[in-house]
Amino acid sequence: MNIGMLLIIIVGGLVGVLSTLYLTFSFPAVIIWKIYRRITKGIPLTK
């Protein structure tokens, strides 16, 4: 297999894994943050 193609495959795989991990942690963090602000400061969830 060509070394260039192998590098493209590895980089593409890493980008996919990192973006998935980011989304996995960021969505719950934003929801928890909005609920926290709603409880402590009375800010609506949609703001």
PDB file of N, CA and C in Angstrom:
ATOM      1  N   MET A   1       0.845  -1.180   0.000  1.00  0.00           N
ATOM      2  CA  MET A   1       0.000   0.000   0.000  1.00  0.00           C
ATOM      3  C   MET A   1       0.893   1.248   0.000  1.00  0.00           C
ATOM      4  N   ASN A   2       0.453   2.251  -0.674  1.00  0.00           N
ATOM      5  CA  ASN A   2       1.186   3.497  -0.795  1.00  0.00           C
ATOM      6  C   ASN A   2       1.255   4.219   0.561  1.00  0.00           C
ATOM      7  N   ILE A   3       2.424   4.774   0.896  1.00  0.00           N
ATOM      8  CA  ILE A   3       2.611   5.449   2.187  1.00  0.00           C
ATOM      9  C   ILE A   3       1.751   6.710   2.281  1.00  0.00           C
ATOM     10  N   GLY A   4       1.561   7.409   1.176  1.00  0.00           N
ATOM     11  CA  GLY A   4       0.711   8.607   1.170  1.00  0.00           C
ATOM     12  C   GLY A   4      -0.734   8.264   1.475  1.00  0.00           C
ATOM     13  N   MET A   5      -1.226   7.198   0.880  1.00  0.00           N
ATOM     14  CA  MET A   5      -2.605   6.764   1.126  1.00  0.00           C
ATOM     15  C   MET A   5      -2.781   6.333   2.579  1.00  0.00           C
ATOM     16  N   LEU A   6      -1.783   5.674   3.113  1.00  0.00           N
ATOM     17  CA  LEU A   6      -1.838   5.241   4.509  1.00  0.00           C
ATOM     18  C   LEU A   6      -1.898   6.446   5.455  1.00  0.00           C
ATOM     19  N   LEU A   7      -1.117   7.475   5.164  1.00  0.00           N
ATOM     20  CA  LEU A   7      -1.155   8.691   5.984  1.00  0.00           C
ATOM     21  C   LEU A   7      -2.515   9.375   5.902  1.00  0.00           C
ATOM     22  N   ILE A   8      -3.096   9.429   4.730  1.00  0.00           N
ATOM     23  CA  ILE A   8      -4.425  10.033   4.559  1.00  0.00           C
ATOM     24  C   ILE A   8      -5.461   9.258   5.362  1.00  0.00           C
ATOM     25  N   ILE A   9      -5.378   7.949   5.348  1.00  0.00           N
ATOM     26  CA  ILE A   9      -6.319   7.112   6.093  1.00  0.00           C
ATOM     27  C   ILE A   9      -6.174   7.358   7.604  1.00  0.00           C
ATOM     28  N   ILE A  10      -4.942   7.433   8.084  1.00  0.00           N
ATOM     29  CA  ILE A  10      -4.700   7.642   9.521  1.00  0.00           C
ATOM     30  C   ILE A  10      -5.197   9.017   9.957  1.00  0.00           C
ATOM     31  N   VAL A  11      -4.868  10.056   9.182  1.00  0.00           N
ATOM     32  CA  VAL A  11      -5.299  11.408   9.522  1.00  0.00           C
ATOM     33  C   VAL A  11      -6.826  11.507   9.491  1.00  0.00           C
ATOM     34  N   GLY A  12      -7.451  10.939   8.481  1.00  0.00           N
ATOM     35  CA  GLY A  12      -8.914  10.951   8.391  1.00  0.00           C
ATOM     36  C   GLY A  12      -9.562  10.238   9.560  1.00  0.00           C
ATOM     37  N   GLY A  13      -9.001   9.130   9.963  1.00  0.00           N
ATOM     38  CA  GLY A  13      -9.532   8.392  11.107  1.00  0.00           C
ATOM     39  C   GLY A  13      -9.400   9.177  12.397  1.00  0.00           C
ATOM     40  N   LEU A  14      -8.257   9.827  12.586  1.00  0.00           N
ATOM     41  CA  LEU A  14      -8.058  10.637  13.795  1.00  0.00           C
ATOM     42  C   LEU A  14      -9.019  11.820  13.835  1.00  0.00           C
ATOM     43  N   VAL A  15      -9.226  12.463  12.715  1.00  0.00           N
ATOM     44  CA  VAL A  15     -10.160  13.592  12.671  1.00  0.00           C
ATOM     45  C   VAL A  15     -11.564  13.120  13.030  1.00  0.00           C
ATOM     46  N   GLY A  16     -11.982  11.987  12.521  1.00  0.00           N
ATOM     47  CA  GLY A  16     -13.297  11.446  12.839  1.00  0.00           C
ATOM     48  C   GLY A  16     -13.443  11.111  14.316  1.00  0.00           C
ATOM     49  N   VAL A  17     -12.431  10.495  14.889  1.00  0.00           N
ATOM     50  CA  VAL A  17     -12.480  10.126  16.301  1.00  0.00           C
ATOM     51  C   VAL A  17     -12.509  11.367  17.183  1.00  0.00           C
ATOM     52  N   LEU A  18     -11.672  12.354  16.876  1.00  0.00           N
ATOM     53  CA  LEU A  18     -11.619  13.562  17.704  1.00  0.00           C
ATOM     54  C   LEU A  18     -12.918  14.355  17.621  1.00  0.00           C
ATOM     55  N   SER A  19     -13.515  14.461  16.441  1.00  0.00           N
ATOM     56  CA  SER A  19     -14.775  15.196  16.337  1.00  0.00           C
ATOM     57  C   SER A  19     -15.898  14.467  17.064  1.00  0.00           C
ATOM     58  N   THR A  20     -15.888  13.161  17.023  1.00  0.00           N
ATOM     59  CA  THR A  20     -16.897  12.390  17.753  1.00  0.00           C
ATOM     60  C   THR A  20     -16.744  12.574  19.263  1.00  0.00           C
ATOM     61  N   LEU A  21     -15.520  12.538  19.753  1.00  0.00           N
ATOM     62  CA  LEU A  21     -15.283  12.748  21.182  1.00  0.00           C
ATOM     63  C   LEU A  21     -15.703  14.152  21.607  1.00  0.00           C
ATOM     64  N   TYR A  22     -15.401  15.147  20.788  1.00  0.00           N
ATOM     65  CA  TYR A  22     -15.789  16.519  21.106  1.00  0.00           C
ATOM     66  C   TYR A  22     -17.306  16.638  21.233  1.00  0.00           C
ATOM     67  N   LEU A  23     -18.028  16.096  20.278  1.00  0.00           N
ATOM     68  CA  LEU A  23     -19.489  16.168  20.325  1.00  0.00           C
ATOM     69  C   LEU A  23     -20.054  15.377  21.496  1.00  0.00           C
ATOM     70  N   THR A  24     -19.443  14.250  21.814  1.00  0.00           N
ATOM     71  CA  THR A  24     -19.906  13.417  22.921  1.00  0.00           C
ATOM     72  C   THR A  24     -19.831  14.158  24.251  1.00  0.00           C
ATOM     73  N   PHE A  25     -18.788  14.967  24.434  1.00  0.00           N
ATOM     74  CA  PHE A  25     -18.632  15.682  25.705  1.00  0.00           C
ATOM     75  C   PHE A  25     -19.268  17.065  25.697  1.00  0.00           C
ATOM     76  N   SER A  26     -19.329  17.716  24.541  1.00  0.00           N
ATOM     77  CA  SER A  26     -19.805  19.104  24.533  1.00  0.00           C
ATOM     78  C   SER A  26     -21.323  19.204  24.657  1.00  0.00           C
ATOM     79  N   PHE A  27     -22.087  18.319  24.009  1.00  0.00           N
ATOM     80  CA  PHE A  27     -23.549  18.410  24.094  1.00  0.00           C
ATOM     81  C   PHE A  27     -24.056  18.271  25.519  1.00  0.00           C
ATOM     82  N   PRO A  28     -23.664  17.242  26.262  1.00  0.00           N
ATOM     83  CA  PRO A  28     -24.122  17.154  27.655  1.00  0.00           C
ATOM     84  C   PRO A  28     -23.614  18.326  28.508  1.00  0.00           C
ATOM     85  N   ALA A  29     -22.405  18.821  28.246  1.00  0.00           N
ATOM     86  CA  ALA A  29     -21.869  19.935  29.025  1.00  0.00           C
ATOM     87  C   ALA A  29     -22.711  21.187  28.824  1.00  0.00           C
ATOM     88  N   VAL A  30     -23.128  21.460  27.599  1.00  0.00           N
ATOM     89  CA  VAL A  30     -23.955  22.642  27.324  1.00  0.00           C
ATOM     90  C   VAL A  30     -25.316  22.496  27.985  1.00  0.00           C
ATOM     91  N   ILE A  31     -25.905  21.323  27.919  1.00  0.00           N
ATOM     92  CA  ILE A  31     -27.217  21.110  28.527  1.00  0.00           C
ATOM     93  C   ILE A  31     -27.135  21.268  30.046  1.00  0.00           C
ATOM     94  N   ILE A  32     -26.109  20.700  30.663  1.00  0.00           N
ATOM     95  CA  ILE A  32     -25.932  20.837  32.112  1.00  0.00           C
ATOM     96  C   ILE A  32     -25.699  22.296  32.477  1.00  0.00           C
ATOM     97  N   TRP A  33     -24.913  23.017  31.686  1.00  0.00           N
ATOM     98  CA  TRP A  33     -24.645  24.428  31.954  1.00  0.00           C
ATOM     99  C   TRP A  33     -25.925  25.255  31.880  1.00  0.00           C
ATOM    100  N   LYS A  34     -26.766  24.973  30.877  1.00  0.00           N
ATOM    101  CA  LYS A  34     -28.014  25.712  30.746  1.00  0.00           C
ATOM    102  C   LYS A  34     -28.963  25.414  31.908  1.00  0.00           C
ATOM    103  N   ILE A  35     -29.024  24.181  32.354  1.00  0.00           N
ATOM    104  CA  ILE A  35     -29.868  23.829  33.493  1.00  0.00           C
ATOM    105  C   ILE A  35     -29.334  24.494  34.761  1.00  0.00           C
ATOM    106  N   TYR A  36     -28.025  24.522  34.922  1.00  0.00           N
ATOM    107  CA  TYR A  36     -27.415  25.177  36.078  1.00  0.00           C
ATOM    108  C   TYR A  36     -27.761  26.668  36.100  1.00  0.00           C
ATOM    109  N   ARG A  37     -27.643  27.329  34.952  1.00  0.00           N
ATOM    110  CA  ARG A  37     -27.982  28.755  34.895  1.00  0.00           C
ATOM    111  C   ARG A  37     -29.461  28.986  35.150  1.00  0.00           C
ATOM    112  N   ARG A  38     -30.304  28.085  34.700  1.00  0.00           N
ATOM    113  CA  ARG A  38     -31.746  28.195  34.917  1.00  0.00           C
ATOM    114  C   ARG A  38     -32.067  28.123  36.408  1.00  0.00           C
ATOM    115  N   ILE A  39     -31.410  27.194  37.112  1.00  0.00           N
ATOM    116  CA  ILE A  39     -31.681  27.003  38.531  1.00  0.00           C
ATOM    117  C   ILE A  39     -31.105  28.158  39.353  1.00  0.00           C
ATOM    118  N   THR A  40     -29.861  28.550  39.076  1.00  0.00           N
ATOM    119  CA  THR A  40     -29.204  29.533  39.933  1.00  0.00           C
ATOM    120  C   THR A  40     -29.573  30.977  39.611  1.00  0.00           C
ATOM    121  N   LYS A  41     -29.729  31.309  38.328  1.00  0.00           N
ATOM    122  CA  LYS A  41     -29.935  32.708  37.960  1.00  0.00           C
ATOM    123  C   LYS A  41     -31.284  32.987  37.313  1.00  0.00           C
ATOM    124  N   GLY A  42     -32.053  31.963  37.036  1.00  0.00           N
ATOM    125  CA  GLY A  42     -33.368  32.139  36.451  1.00  0.00           C
ATOM    126  C   GLY A  42     -33.342  32.511  34.976  1.00  0.00           C
ATOM    127  N   ILE A  43     -32.230  32.269  34.293  1.00  0.00           N
ATOM    128  CA  ILE A  43     -32.107  32.562  32.861  1.00  0.00           C
ATOM    129  C   ILE A  43     -32.837  31.463  32.076  1.00  0.00           C
ATOM    130  N   PRO A  44     -33.659  31.827  31.075  1.00  0.00           N
ATOM    131  CA  PRO A  44     -34.359  30.802  30.305  1.00  0.00           C
ATOM    132  C   PRO A  44     -33.386  29.873  29.571  1.00  0.00           C
ATOM    133  N   LEU A  45     -33.813  28.643  29.336  1.00  0.00           N
ATOM    134  CA  LEU A  45     -32.951  27.671  28.662  1.00  0.00           C
ATOM    135  C   LEU A  45     -32.652  28.058  27.218  1.00  0.00           C
ATOM    136  N   THR A  46     -33.532  28.827  26.598  1.00  0.00           N
ATOM    137  CA  THR A  46     -33.368  29.162  25.181  1.00  0.00           C
ATOM    138  C   THR A  46     -32.539  30.417  24.961  1.00  0.00           C
ATOM    139  N   LYS A  47     -32.055  31.040  25.997  1.00  0.00           N
ATOM    140  CA  LYS A  47     -31.269  32.262  25.844  1.00  0.00           C
ATOM    141  C   LYS A  47     -29.800  31.985  25.934  1.00  0.00           C
TER     142      LYS A  47
END
